[in-house]
Amino acid sequence: MTNSTPKPDISPNFTIDDIHKIREWHYESRKGMTRQEVIDHINRRGDEFEALIEAARRARHDVTPVAM
């Protein structure tokens, strides 16, 4: 199932209204999913996030400091 609800616009100050927007977006994106579909969705997104973090860690360690 894909999320047809656009991602919410988050303010630079990250207010309580932003939290409400995110919660509403999550609710709308999972509406109509079975419990197993929600679990699979969460696990899939978690795996994607872990891959992003691992890539950032590798990139950080691959940078050679410049001697001044």
Protein backbone atom coordinates (compact mmCIF):
# COMPACT_ATOMS: atom_id res chain seq x y z
CA MET A 1 0.00 0.00 0.00
CA THR A 2 1.35 3.41 -0.89
CA ASN A 3 0.83 6.67 0.93
CA SER A 4 -1.09 9.10 -1.25
CA THR A 5 -1.20 11.70 1.53
CA PRO A 6 1.56 14.28 0.98
CA LYS A 7 4.18 14.59 3.69
CA PRO A 8 3.46 17.45 6.07
CA ASP A 9 5.44 20.68 5.94
CA ILE A 10 7.50 20.92 9.11
CA SER A 11 8.41 24.35 10.46
CA PRO A 12 12.07 25.19 11.19
CA ASN A 13 11.20 25.59 14.89
CA PHE A 14 9.47 22.18 15.15
CA THR A 15 6.38 23.06 17.15
CA ILE A 16 3.66 20.95 18.74
CA ASP A 17 1.59 21.61 15.61
CA ASP A 18 4.28 19.81 13.61
CA ILE A 19 3.94 16.79 15.87
CA HIS A 20 0.18 16.80 15.27
CA LYS A 21 0.75 17.03 11.51
CA ILE A 22 3.15 14.07 11.59
CA ARG A 23 0.78 11.96 13.69
CA GLU A 24 -2.11 12.75 11.37
CA TRP A 25 0.03 11.89 8.33
CA HIS A 26 1.02 8.56 9.92
CA TYR A 27 -2.61 7.80 10.70
CA GLU A 28 -3.74 8.62 7.16
CA SER A 29 -0.90 6.61 5.61
CA ARG A 30 -1.79 3.49 7.64
CA LYS A 31 -5.56 3.78 7.49
CA GLY A 32 -7.02 0.63 6.00
CA MET A 33 -3.92 -1.50 6.63
CA THR A 34 -4.11 -4.73 8.54
CA ARG A 35 -2.03 -5.11 11.68
CA GLN A 36 0.52 -7.21 9.78
CA GLU A 37 0.73 -4.63 6.97
CA VAL A 38 1.45 -1.91 9.55
CA ILE A 39 4.18 -4.05 11.14
CA ASP A 40 5.71 -4.80 7.73
CA HIS A 41 5.56 -1.10 6.81
CA ILE A 42 7.30 -0.07 10.04
CA ASN A 43 9.99 -2.75 9.65
CA ARG A 44 10.61 -1.85 6.01
CA ARG A 45 10.98 1.86 6.83
CA GLY A 46 13.23 1.00 9.78
CA ASP A 47 15.49 -1.07 7.52
CA GLU A 48 15.70 1.84 5.05
CA PHE A 49 16.62 4.22 7.87
CA GLU A 50 19.29 1.88 9.23
CA ALA A 51 20.82 1.66 5.74
CA LEU A 52 20.93 5.48 5.55
CA ILE A 53 22.66 5.70 8.93
CA GLU A 54 25.18 3.03 7.98
CA ALA A 55 25.96 4.83 4.70
CA ALA A 56 26.47 8.10 6.60
CA ARG A 57 28.81 6.35 9.06
CA ARG A 58 30.84 4.84 6.21
CA ALA A 59 31.03 8.22 4.47
CA ARG A 60 32.17 9.90 7.69
CA HIS A 61 34.95 7.35 8.20
CA ASP A 62 36.05 7.52 4.56
CA VAL A 63 36.85 11.25 4.79
CA THR A 64 40.55 11.97 5.17
CA PRO A 65 41.32 15.10 7.22
CA VAL A 66 43.14 17.83 5.34
CA ALA A 67 46.51 18.77 6.87
CA MET A 68 46.93 22.46 7.46
